[in-house]
Amino acid sequence: MDSFYSIIIDKKSEIPLYKQLADGLCAMIEQGILPANSKLPPIRQMALKLHVNVVTVVTAYKYLEQKKVVYSLVGSGTYVSPLPIEQIEKPLVFQQTKQFETQHNLENVINFVDTSMPQHLFPVEEFKEAFDTVLEREKGNAFRYLDSMGYLPLRQIICQYLQEYSIHAVADNIQIISGAQQGIDIISKALVNYGDTIFTEKPTVYSACGAFLSRGGNVITVSMEKDGIHIAELENLLKVYHPKFLYIMAYFQTPTGISYSMEKKRKLLELAEKYHFYIIEDDNLYDFYYGSEKIVPLKALDYKNKVIYIKSFSKIWMPGLRMGFMLLPKKLLERVQSAKYTTDISTSGFLQKGVEYYLRKCGWQYHSSIMRKYGGEQYRMAISAVKKHLENKVNCLYPEGGISLWLELPPKVESETLCKLLLDKGVIVAPSSQYYMGQKEQESIRVCFCNVKQREIEQGIKKIGITIEEILQNAP
């Protein structure tokens, strides 16, 4: 407490007393006198020592908390923020991201940005039978509105599917949605208020962040490590910003391909309980696992009901089907249901009944195994080509799943420059600028292999290696 005597309070100054105290504390923090996470004196004790009113100290502490210079813990006190002051004023929020001109429809190119699976793998005949059966069985009733939560038999069969991933659910907690993006939009509509903070992984996809931003939310991104989000950085940010949600993909994250370790998944749930936020778990690619390790979604470990689990059927079946579901904590059900109803009343009853028939007849694994076999072959071909043509040129995580590779480029190779040069050579890849909501941490490219002919995978990756070499040779 003795060090606080150095703060001078001039009661004759035009500067408010609380501001003088706040400025004095900031100076001590900048000088290292008050280290990160050190505790400030209790309010009454500080007021007594500096001969000021208790209200002055309360106002100074609140002012510093709003500035994110300190954080408070209920029942414990006020502490110095673990974040540097110069970073506090400008939190890493979304700025308009550059969109690279990919021109997907160019002919005679090797397209490493297309994330859809080849059309010949779509279960067209099976769904044709399903929809024909529903029409024959129900006639015009097939097109009636259903309960906004979704077709009950479909929700029940989804609960059976979730058991395979050790997720125990009841149909009353399942909300049918028109794709994962609608689920994120509905969560934002129901639960995000203007000024709320949402954390996401860094890098991540813009589509989810855009939904949060559209409701007036502030998006702050947290760095990734090879086994998931950077826990120490996350907890430092949690102390200061108090987010409403953390949005993650626990397996084969877009764009990095990173999967979370069991240790980090458990730690995330501990932090969610400790700091009172929910986790949105986006299961976009969990079906595309090619290794022997069992998939354990974060939701399977969620005994405190802190996880909103969202799954889309687009990748595993057909992108235009536009259907998925959310598994929601009971506390959030009513608000999310209301938001879903005011969005579109309900997802197409005809589609829901067709999907339920398909699942009941074919089962979940029937088509998943086909897609996994195909995806695994593509993945192994891509990995082989990277090892052959890009060894010692890039850093690549081998994710054992997903539909793409994240290639970290060497120094002096800028991702957008590389992408433009590759486009001239008939190869399209996505630059890292499409996945950072602020300043890029690492120049990288995303190479999606799921809809590329196998002979073209090696040709395209070989051209990437040649072009990187050309850039390095011409670099100053």
Protein backbone atom coordinates (compact mmCIF):
# COMPACT_ATOMS: atom_id res chain seq x y z
CA MET A 1 0.00 0.00 0.00
CA ASP A 2 2.95 2.34 0.62
CA SER A 3 3.62 2.79 -3.10
CA PHE A 4 0.20 4.40 -3.54
CA TYR A 5 1.34 7.36 -1.44
CA SER A 6 3.15 8.62 -4.55
CA ILE A 7 -0.20 9.47 -6.14
CA ILE A 8 -0.78 13.19 -5.70
CA ILE A 9 -4.36 14.39 -5.39
CA ASP A 10 -4.73 18.16 -5.90
CA LYS A 11 -8.15 19.17 -4.60
CA LYS A 12 -7.74 22.67 -6.10
CA SER A 13 -7.18 21.35 -9.62
CA GLU A 14 -9.85 21.60 -12.32
CA ILE A 15 -9.19 17.93 -13.12
CA PRO A 16 -11.78 15.76 -11.33
CA LEU A 17 -10.39 13.89 -8.33
CA TYR A 18 -11.36 10.47 -9.72
CA LYS A 19 -9.47 11.30 -12.94
CA GLN A 20 -6.36 12.31 -10.98
CA LEU A 21 -6.46 9.03 -9.10
CA ALA A 22 -7.03 7.03 -12.30
CA ASP A 23 -4.15 8.78 -14.06
CA GLY A 24 -1.90 8.10 -11.08
CA LEU A 25 -2.74 4.41 -11.14
CA CYS A 26 -2.15 4.25 -14.91
CA ALA A 27 1.28 5.82 -14.43
CA MET A 28 2.16 3.19 -11.83
CA ILE A 29 1.03 0.43 -14.19
CA GLU A 30 3.05 1.82 -17.11
CA GLN A 31 6.15 2.13 -14.90
CA GLY A 32 5.80 -1.49 -13.77
CA ILE A 33 5.18 -0.55 -10.15
CA LEU A 34 1.83 -2.34 -10.42
CA PRO A 35 2.37 -5.62 -12.32
CA ALA A 36 -0.31 -7.50 -14.23
CA ASN A 37 -2.96 -9.18 -12.06
CA SER A 38 -1.79 -7.34 -8.93
CA LYS A 39 -4.60 -6.32 -6.59
CA LEU A 40 -5.52 -2.69 -5.99
CA PRO A 41 -6.21 -1.64 -2.40
CA PRO A 42 -9.78 -2.00 -1.09
CA ILE A 43 -11.90 1.06 -1.83
CA ARG A 44 -12.29 2.27 1.75
CA GLN A 45 -8.61 1.78 2.52
CA MET A 46 -7.58 3.72 -0.60
CA ALA A 47 -10.00 6.55 0.28
CA LEU A 48 -8.66 6.76 3.82
CA LYS A 49 -4.98 6.85 2.78
CA LEU A 50 -5.48 9.49 0.07
CA HIS A 51 -8.00 11.54 2.07
CA VAL A 52 -10.71 11.40 -0.57
CA ASN A 53 -14.32 10.33 -0.61
CA VAL A 54 -15.17 6.65 -1.14
CA VAL A 55 -17.20 7.69 -4.19
CA THR A 56 -14.04 9.14 -5.76
CA VAL A 57 -12.25 5.80 -5.51
CA VAL A 58 -15.29 3.86 -6.77
CA THR A 59 -15.56 6.20 -9.77
CA ALA A 60 -11.82 5.94 -10.52
CA TYR A 61 -11.92 2.14 -10.42
CA LYS A 62 -15.03 2.05 -12.64
CA TYR A 63 -13.42 4.48 -15.07
CA LEU A 64 -10.31 2.29 -15.32
CA GLU A 65 -12.46 -0.81 -15.74
CA GLN A 66 -14.32 0.80 -18.64
CA LYS A 67 -10.92 1.60 -20.17
CA LYS A 68 -9.97 -2.08 -19.68
CA VAL A 69 -6.97 -1.05 -17.57
CA VAL A 70 -8.25 -3.04 -14.57
CA TYR A 71 -10.77 -5.83 -14.05
CA SER A 72 -12.89 -6.74 -11.06
CA LEU A 73 -13.77 -10.10 -9.53
CA VAL A 74 -16.96 -10.22 -7.51
CA GLY A 75 -16.21 -10.69 -3.83
CA SER A 76 -12.46 -10.47 -4.41
CA GLY A 77 -11.52 -6.98 -5.53
CA THR A 78 -10.02 -5.01 -8.42
CA TYR A 79 -6.91 -6.14 -10.29
CA VAL A 80 -4.51 -4.75 -12.88
CA SER A 81 -5.31 -5.94 -16.40
CA PRO A 82 -2.89 -8.52 -17.84
CA LEU A 83 -3.14 -6.72 -21.19
CA PRO A 84 -0.73 -3.89 -22.04
CA ILE A 85 -2.37 -0.47 -21.78
CA GLU A 86 -1.45 0.50 -25.33
CA GLN A 87 -3.46 -2.50 -26.59
CA ILE A 88 -6.48 -1.75 -24.45
CA GLU A 89 -7.64 1.31 -26.37
CA LYS A 90 -7.88 -0.55 -29.67
CA PRO A 91 -9.10 -4.11 -29.15
CA LEU A 92 -8.72 -6.38 -32.12
CA VAL A 93 -12.11 -6.08 -33.74
CA PHE A 94 -13.27 -6.71 -37.26
CA GLN A 95 -12.31 -4.25 -39.95
CA GLN A 96 -13.45 -4.71 -43.54
CA THR A 97 -11.49 -7.74 -44.71
CA LYS A 98 -9.98 -7.76 -48.17
CA GLN A 99 -11.77 -10.17 -50.46
CA PHE A 100 -9.52 -11.83 -53.01
CA GLU A 101 -10.94 -12.04 -56.53
CA THR A 102 -11.04 -15.81 -56.95
CA GLN A 103 -13.30 -15.98 -60.02
CA HIS A 104 -14.53 -19.50 -59.25
CA ASN A 105 -16.08 -19.99 -62.68
CA LEU A 106 -12.86 -19.69 -64.67
CA GLU A 107 -12.38 -22.72 -66.87
CA ASN A 108 -9.21 -24.76 -67.12
CA VAL A 109 -7.98 -23.82 -63.67
CA ILE A 110 -7.06 -25.87 -60.63
CA ASN A 111 -9.55 -24.61 -58.07
CA PHE A 112 -8.30 -24.94 -54.48
CA VAL A 113 -10.98 -22.61 -53.03
CA ASP A 114 -14.12 -24.64 -53.78
CA THR A 115 -15.32 -26.14 -50.48
CA SER A 116 -18.19 -28.24 -51.86
CA MET A 117 -17.88 -31.94 -52.55
CA PRO A 118 -18.13 -33.30 -56.12
CA GLN A 119 -21.70 -33.63 -57.38
CA HIS A 120 -21.32 -37.28 -58.31
CA LEU A 121 -21.05 -38.05 -54.58
CA PHE A 122 -24.37 -36.41 -53.68
CA PRO A 123 -26.97 -38.99 -52.52
CA VAL A 124 -29.42 -37.86 -55.19
CA GLU A 125 -31.21 -41.17 -55.78
CA GLU A 126 -31.70 -41.82 -52.08
CA PHE A 127 -33.19 -38.37 -51.52
CA LYS A 128 -35.33 -38.69 -54.62
CA GLU A 129 -36.85 -41.83 -53.12
CA ALA A 130 -37.29 -40.09 -49.77
CA PHE A 131 -39.05 -37.06 -51.23
CA ASP A 132 -41.22 -39.19 -53.54
CA THR A 133 -42.27 -41.30 -50.56
CA VAL A 134 -43.16 -38.25 -48.47
CA LEU A 135 -45.25 -36.79 -51.32
CA GLU A 136 -47.06 -40.06 -51.91
CA ARG A 137 -47.69 -40.55 -48.22
CA GLU A 138 -48.78 -37.06 -47.25
CA LYS A 139 -49.87 -35.35 -50.47
CA GLY A 140 -50.46 -31.65 -49.74
CA ASN A 141 -49.83 -32.10 -46.02
CA ALA A 142 -46.15 -32.46 -46.87
CA PHE A 143 -46.02 -28.69 -47.34
CA ARG A 144 -47.77 -27.58 -44.15
CA TYR A 145 -45.96 -25.53 -41.53
CA LEU A 146 -44.47 -27.58 -38.73
CA ASP A 147 -43.68 -26.68 -35.13
CA SER A 148 -41.01 -23.98 -35.19
CA MET A 149 -38.66 -26.28 -33.27
CA GLY A 150 -38.82 -28.78 -36.11
CA TYR A 151 -40.33 -32.13 -37.08
CA LEU A 152 -40.43 -34.24 -33.91
CA PRO A 153 -39.45 -37.60 -35.51
CA LEU A 154 -36.43 -35.87 -37.08
CA ARG A 155 -35.39 -34.36 -33.75
CA GLN A 156 -35.73 -37.78 -32.15
CA ILE A 157 -33.54 -39.47 -34.73
CA ILE A 158 -30.95 -36.67 -34.32
CA CYS A 159 -30.80 -37.55 -30.62
CA GLN A 160 -29.93 -41.14 -31.62
CA TYR A 161 -27.17 -39.84 -33.90
CA LEU A 162 -25.71 -37.70 -31.12
CA GLN A 163 -25.40 -40.78 -28.91
CA GLU A 164 -22.69 -42.00 -31.31
CA TYR A 165 -20.61 -39.00 -30.21
CA SER A 166 -21.48 -39.51 -26.51
CA ILE A 167 -23.78 -36.48 -26.54
CA HIS A 168 -26.93 -37.13 -24.54
CA ALA A 169 -29.80 -35.00 -25.77
CA VAL A 170 -33.59 -34.87 -25.72
CA ALA A 171 -35.74 -33.78 -28.64
CA ASP A 172 -37.07 -30.77 -26.70
CA ASN A 173 -33.58 -29.22 -26.77
CA ILE A 174 -33.08 -29.69 -30.52
CA GLN A 175 -33.85 -26.79 -32.86
CA ILE A 176 -33.99 -27.56 -36.58
CA ILE A 177 -32.42 -24.79 -38.67
CA SER A 178 -31.87 -23.96 -42.33
CA GLY A 179 -28.11 -24.47 -42.21
CA ALA A 180 -25.42 -23.58 -39.69
CA GLN A 181 -25.25 -19.96 -40.78
CA GLN A 182 -28.92 -19.47 -39.93
CA GLY A 183 -28.22 -20.98 -36.53
CA ILE A 184 -25.51 -18.41 -35.85
CA ASP A 185 -27.77 -15.63 -37.14
CA ILE A 186 -30.59 -16.74 -34.85
CA ILE A 187 -28.29 -16.92 -31.82
CA SER A 188 -27.10 -13.40 -32.63
CA LYS A 189 -30.66 -12.17 -33.05
CA ALA A 190 -31.83 -13.76 -29.82
CA LEU A 191 -28.90 -13.21 -27.51
CA VAL A 192 -26.48 -10.54 -28.76
CA ASN A 193 -27.19 -6.98 -27.69
CA TYR A 194 -25.48 -3.84 -28.92
CA GLY A 195 -22.03 -3.58 -27.37
CA ASP A 196 -21.79 -7.24 -26.32
CA THR A 197 -18.40 -8.86 -26.79
CA ILE A 198 -17.94 -12.14 -28.66
CA PHE A 199 -14.64 -14.02 -28.80
CA THR A 200 -13.60 -16.07 -31.83
CA GLU A 201 -10.55 -18.01 -32.87
CA LYS A 202 -7.84 -16.27 -34.89
CA PRO A 203 -7.93 -16.89 -37.81
CA THR A 204 -11.57 -17.78 -38.42
CA VAL A 205 -14.41 -17.47 -40.96
CA TYR A 206 -16.03 -14.11 -41.64
CA SER A 207 -19.58 -15.48 -42.00
CA ALA A 208 -19.95 -16.15 -38.28
CA CYS A 209 -18.29 -12.88 -37.25
CA GLY A 210 -20.51 -10.99 -39.66
CA ALA A 211 -23.61 -12.26 -37.85
CA PHE A 212 -22.32 -11.06 -34.49
CA LEU A 213 -21.29 -7.70 -35.92
CA SER A 214 -24.67 -7.21 -37.58
CA ARG A 215 -26.28 -7.15 -34.12
CA GLY A 216 -23.84 -4.52 -32.84
CA GLY A 217 -21.49 -6.98 -31.16
CA ASN A 218 -17.75 -6.46 -30.80
CA VAL A 219 -15.64 -9.33 -32.09
CA ILE A 220 -12.29 -10.00 -30.41
CA THR A 221 -10.08 -12.76 -31.76
CA VAL A 222 -7.83 -15.10 -29.78
CA SER A 223 -4.71 -16.76 -31.19
CA MET A 224 -4.55 -20.46 -31.95
CA GLU A 225 -1.89 -23.01 -31.02
CA LYS A 226 -1.41 -26.43 -32.58
CA ASP A 227 -3.81 -28.07 -30.12
CA GLY A 228 -6.47 -25.35 -29.92
CA ILE A 229 -7.00 -21.83 -28.69
CA HIS A 230 -4.23 -20.09 -26.70
CA ILE A 231 -5.55 -20.61 -23.16
CA ALA A 232 -3.37 -18.06 -21.36
CA GLU A 233 -4.24 -15.34 -23.88
CA LEU A 234 -7.90 -16.30 -23.66
CA GLU A 235 -7.99 -16.05 -19.88
CA ASN A 236 -6.25 -12.67 -19.90
CA LEU A 237 -8.90 -11.38 -22.30
CA LEU A 238 -11.69 -12.98 -20.27
CA LYS A 239 -10.65 -11.04 -17.18
CA VAL A 240 -11.04 -7.76 -19.02
CA TYR A 241 -13.78 -8.15 -21.61
CA HIS A 242 -16.42 -10.52 -20.14
CA PRO A 243 -17.69 -11.95 -23.46
CA LYS A 244 -21.16 -13.34 -23.97
CA PHE A 245 -19.91 -16.12 -26.28
CA LEU A 246 -16.80 -17.84 -27.55
CA TYR A 247 -17.24 -19.21 -31.09
CA ILE A 248 -15.05 -22.23 -31.97
CA MET A 249 -14.67 -25.29 -34.18
CA ALA A 250 -13.19 -28.03 -32.00
CA TYR A 251 -12.15 -30.28 -34.91
CA PHE A 252 -10.57 -29.39 -38.27
CA GLN A 253 -11.02 -25.70 -37.65
CA THR A 254 -11.52 -23.42 -40.63
CA PRO A 255 -9.07 -22.41 -41.98
CA THR A 256 -6.19 -23.94 -39.97
CA GLY A 257 -7.39 -27.55 -39.67
CA ILE A 258 -6.48 -27.52 -35.97
CA SER A 259 -8.24 -29.91 -33.58
CA TYR A 260 -8.45 -29.28 -29.84
CA SER A 261 -6.70 -31.53 -27.37
CA MET A 262 -8.77 -33.11 -24.61
CA GLU A 263 -6.90 -30.98 -22.08
CA LYS A 264 -7.88 -27.77 -23.82
CA LYS A 265 -11.50 -28.81 -24.26
CA ARG A 266 -11.80 -29.45 -20.55
CA LYS A 267 -10.06 -26.17 -19.76
CA LEU A 268 -12.46 -24.26 -22.01
CA LEU A 269 -15.42 -25.64 -20.11
CA GLU A 270 -13.80 -24.67 -16.80
CA LEU A 271 -13.27 -21.12 -18.06
CA ALA A 272 -16.84 -20.91 -19.38
CA GLU A 273 -18.11 -21.78 -15.91
CA LYS A 274 -15.68 -19.47 -14.15
CA TYR A 275 -16.25 -16.42 -16.34
CA HIS A 276 -19.93 -17.00 -17.14
CA PHE A 277 -19.97 -17.22 -20.93
CA TYR A 278 -21.35 -19.71 -23.45
CA ILE A 279 -19.39 -21.54 -26.13
CA ILE A 280 -20.80 -21.90 -29.63
CA GLU A 281 -19.38 -25.14 -31.06
CA ASP A 282 -19.71 -25.27 -34.85
CA ASP A 283 -19.57 -28.86 -36.10
CA ASN A 284 -18.92 -28.20 -39.76
CA LEU A 285 -16.46 -30.96 -40.61
CA TYR A 286 -16.44 -33.49 -37.75
CA ASP A 287 -17.65 -36.22 -40.13
CA PHE A 288 -14.48 -35.84 -42.20
CA TYR A 289 -12.00 -37.57 -39.91
CA TYR A 290 -9.38 -39.83 -41.50
CA GLY A 291 -7.38 -40.97 -38.49
CA SER A 292 -8.01 -43.53 -35.78
CA GLU A 293 -8.61 -41.01 -32.98
CA LYS A 294 -12.23 -40.91 -31.82
CA ILE A 295 -14.08 -37.64 -32.26
CA VAL A 296 -15.15 -36.23 -28.89
CA PRO A 297 -17.11 -33.00 -29.40
CA LEU A 298 -16.84 -30.33 -26.74
CA LYS A 299 -20.57 -30.82 -26.17
CA ALA A 300 -19.94 -34.42 -25.08
CA LEU A 301 -17.97 -33.06 -22.10
CA ASP A 302 -20.44 -30.28 -21.29
CA TYR A 303 -21.91 -31.20 -17.90
CA LYS A 304 -22.68 -27.58 -16.98
CA ASN A 305 -24.70 -26.78 -20.12
CA LYS A 306 -22.35 -24.07 -21.36
CA VAL A 307 -22.15 -25.23 -25.00
CA ILE A 308 -24.45 -24.45 -27.94
CA TYR A 309 -23.77 -27.19 -30.47
CA ILE A 310 -24.50 -26.43 -34.15
CA LYS A 311 -24.28 -28.95 -36.97
CA SER A 312 -24.93 -28.51 -40.67
CA PHE A 313 -25.71 -31.31 -43.12
CA SER A 314 -24.45 -29.32 -46.11
CA LYS A 315 -20.96 -30.79 -46.39
CA ILE A 316 -21.81 -34.40 -45.71
CA TRP A 317 -24.85 -34.54 -48.03
CA MET A 318 -25.51 -31.67 -50.44
CA PRO A 319 -24.73 -27.93 -50.03
CA GLY A 320 -28.11 -26.82 -51.35
CA LEU A 321 -30.05 -28.90 -48.83
CA ARG A 322 -29.67 -26.07 -46.28
CA MET A 323 -30.52 -27.95 -43.15
CA GLY A 324 -28.96 -28.53 -39.77
CA PHE A 325 -29.74 -28.38 -36.07
CA MET A 326 -28.75 -26.76 -32.80
CA LEU A 327 -28.57 -28.43 -29.40
CA LEU A 328 -29.29 -25.69 -26.89
CA PRO A 329 -28.90 -25.23 -23.14
CA LYS A 330 -32.33 -25.12 -21.51
CA LYS A 331 -31.83 -21.54 -20.28
CA LEU A 332 -31.54 -20.26 -23.84
CA LEU A 333 -34.34 -22.25 -25.46
CA GLU A 334 -37.20 -19.78 -25.19
CA ARG A 335 -35.32 -16.80 -26.63
CA VAL A 336 -33.82 -18.84 -29.47
CA GLN A 337 -37.18 -20.41 -30.34
CA SER A 338 -38.76 -16.98 -30.50
CA ALA A 339 -36.00 -15.68 -32.77
CA LYS A 340 -36.35 -18.69 -35.06
CA TYR A 341 -40.10 -18.15 -35.35
CA THR A 342 -39.74 -14.47 -36.24
CA THR A 343 -37.03 -15.34 -38.78
CA ASP A 344 -38.90 -17.82 -40.97
CA ILE A 345 -41.56 -19.50 -38.76
CA SER A 346 -40.01 -22.90 -39.43
CA THR A 347 -37.58 -24.73 -41.71
CA SER A 348 -39.28 -26.42 -44.68
CA GLY A 349 -41.48 -29.24 -43.38
CA PHE A 350 -41.18 -31.09 -46.68
CA LEU A 351 -37.38 -31.12 -46.46
CA GLN A 352 -37.46 -32.16 -42.81
CA LYS A 353 -39.74 -35.10 -43.51
CA GLY A 354 -37.59 -36.16 -46.46
CA VAL A 355 -34.44 -36.04 -44.34
CA GLU A 356 -36.12 -38.01 -41.54
CA TYR A 357 -37.18 -40.73 -44.01
CA TYR A 358 -33.67 -40.85 -45.50
CA LEU A 359 -32.05 -41.21 -42.07
CA ARG A 360 -34.50 -43.82 -40.90
CA LYS A 361 -33.91 -45.94 -44.02
CA CYS A 362 -30.21 -45.36 -44.73
CA GLY A 363 -28.81 -44.37 -41.36
CA TRP A 364 -26.16 -41.75 -40.59
CA GLN A 365 -23.11 -43.79 -41.49
CA TYR A 366 -24.28 -44.94 -44.93
CA HIS A 367 -23.28 -41.80 -46.79
CA SER A 368 -20.80 -40.51 -44.21
CA SER A 369 -18.55 -43.51 -44.83
CA ILE A 370 -18.59 -42.82 -48.59
CA MET A 371 -17.64 -39.18 -48.10
CA ARG A 372 -14.98 -40.09 -45.54
CA LYS A 373 -13.39 -42.63 -47.88
CA TYR A 374 -13.31 -40.11 -50.72
CA GLY A 375 -12.07 -37.27 -48.49
CA GLY A 376 -9.36 -39.47 -47.01
CA GLU A 377 -8.03 -40.35 -50.48
CA GLN A 378 -7.95 -36.66 -51.44
CA TYR A 379 -6.27 -35.76 -48.16
CA ARG A 380 -3.52 -38.34 -48.54
CA MET A 381 -2.90 -37.23 -52.12
CA ALA A 382 -2.61 -33.60 -50.99
CA ILE A 383 -0.27 -34.46 -48.11
CA SER A 384 1.95 -36.52 -50.42
CA ALA A 385 2.18 -33.60 -52.87
CA VAL A 386 3.01 -31.12 -50.10
CA LYS A 387 5.81 -33.33 -48.80
CA LYS A 388 7.14 -33.77 -52.32
CA HIS A 389 6.95 -30.21 -53.64
CA LEU A 390 6.75 -27.90 -50.63
CA GLU A 391 9.13 -29.49 -48.16
CA ASN A 392 11.29 -26.81 -46.50
CA LYS A 393 9.18 -24.12 -48.20
CA VAL A 394 6.08 -24.03 -45.97
CA ASN A 395 4.90 -25.13 -42.56
CA CYS A 396 1.90 -27.44 -42.79
CA LEU A 397 -0.20 -28.99 -40.06
CA TYR A 398 -1.34 -32.50 -41.01
CA PRO A 399 -4.83 -32.46 -39.49
CA GLU A 400 -5.95 -36.07 -40.22
CA GLY A 401 -9.31 -34.69 -41.26
CA GLY A 402 -11.23 -31.87 -42.91
CA ILE A 403 -11.21 -30.70 -46.50
CA SER A 404 -8.22 -28.34 -46.70
CA LEU A 405 -4.63 -27.64 -45.71
CA TRP A 406 -3.31 -24.42 -44.16
CA LEU A 407 0.14 -23.63 -45.51
CA GLU A 408 2.22 -21.09 -43.57
CA LEU A 409 4.44 -19.23 -46.01
CA PRO A 410 8.12 -18.38 -45.54
CA PRO A 411 9.29 -14.83 -44.74
CA LYS A 412 9.21 -12.41 -47.72
CA VAL A 413 6.31 -14.31 -49.35
CA GLU A 414 3.08 -12.30 -49.09
CA SER A 415 -0.08 -14.40 -49.48
CA GLU A 416 -2.02 -12.09 -51.80
CA THR A 417 0.99 -11.62 -54.09
CA LEU A 418 1.38 -15.39 -54.25
CA CYS A 419 -2.33 -15.84 -54.99
CA LYS A 420 -2.23 -13.35 -57.87
CA LEU A 421 0.82 -14.99 -59.42
CA LEU A 422 -0.79 -18.42 -59.09
CA LEU A 423 -3.97 -17.16 -60.74
CA ASP A 424 -1.90 -16.25 -63.79
CA LYS A 425 -0.70 -19.87 -63.81
CA GLY A 426 -4.22 -21.29 -63.58
CA VAL A 427 -4.23 -22.13 -59.86
CA ILE A 428 -6.68 -20.56 -57.38
CA VAL A 429 -5.98 -20.56 -53.63
CA ALA A 430 -7.30 -18.42 -50.77
CA PRO A 431 -5.00 -15.93 -48.99
CA SER A 432 -4.87 -15.62 -45.21
CA SER A 433 -6.36 -12.10 -45.38
CA GLN A 434 -9.78 -13.71 -45.88
CA TYR A 435 -9.63 -15.29 -42.44
CA TYR A 436 -8.21 -12.61 -40.16
CA MET A 437 -10.59 -10.11 -38.59
CA GLY A 438 -7.76 -7.63 -38.19
CA GLN A 439 -4.01 -7.65 -38.72
CA LYS A 440 -2.63 -10.91 -40.06
CA GLU A 441 -0.34 -12.83 -37.71
CA GLN A 442 1.05 -15.18 -40.34
CA GLU A 443 1.14 -15.10 -44.14
CA SER A 444 -0.61 -18.31 -45.19
CA ILE A 445 -2.78 -19.81 -47.90
CA ARG A 446 -5.68 -22.24 -47.67
CA VAL A 447 -5.62 -25.15 -50.13
CA CYS A 448 -8.95 -26.96 -50.31
CA PHE A 449 -8.55 -30.37 -51.92
CA CYS A 450 -12.09 -31.77 -51.72
CA ASN A 451 -13.28 -30.91 -55.26
CA VAL A 452 -10.04 -31.19 -57.23
CA LYS A 453 -9.15 -34.10 -59.49
CA GLN A 454 -6.35 -36.16 -57.98
CA ARG A 455 -3.98 -35.64 -60.90
CA GLU A 456 -4.53 -31.88 -60.55
CA ILE A 457 -3.80 -31.85 -56.81
CA GLU A 458 -0.13 -32.63 -57.42
CA GLN A 459 0.05 -30.32 -60.46
CA GLY A 460 -1.39 -27.42 -58.48
CA ILE A 461 0.78 -27.92 -55.39
CA LYS A 462 3.86 -28.24 -57.61
CA LYS A 463 3.01 -24.84 -59.14
CA ILE A 464 2.65 -23.39 -55.63
CA GLY A 465 6.16 -24.59 -54.80
CA ILE A 466 7.63 -23.21 -58.04
CA THR A 467 5.94 -19.83 -57.53
CA ILE A 468 7.15 -19.54 -53.92
CA GLU A 469 10.69 -20.26 -55.13
CA GLU A 470 10.39 -17.57 -57.81
CA ILE A 471 9.26 -15.00 -55.22
CA LEU A 472 12.14 -15.88 -52.91
CA GLN A 473 14.69 -15.63 -55.71
CA ASN A 474 13.44 -12.15 -56.64
CA ALA A 475 13.15 -10.92 -53.06
CA PRO A 476 15.63 -8.19 -52.00
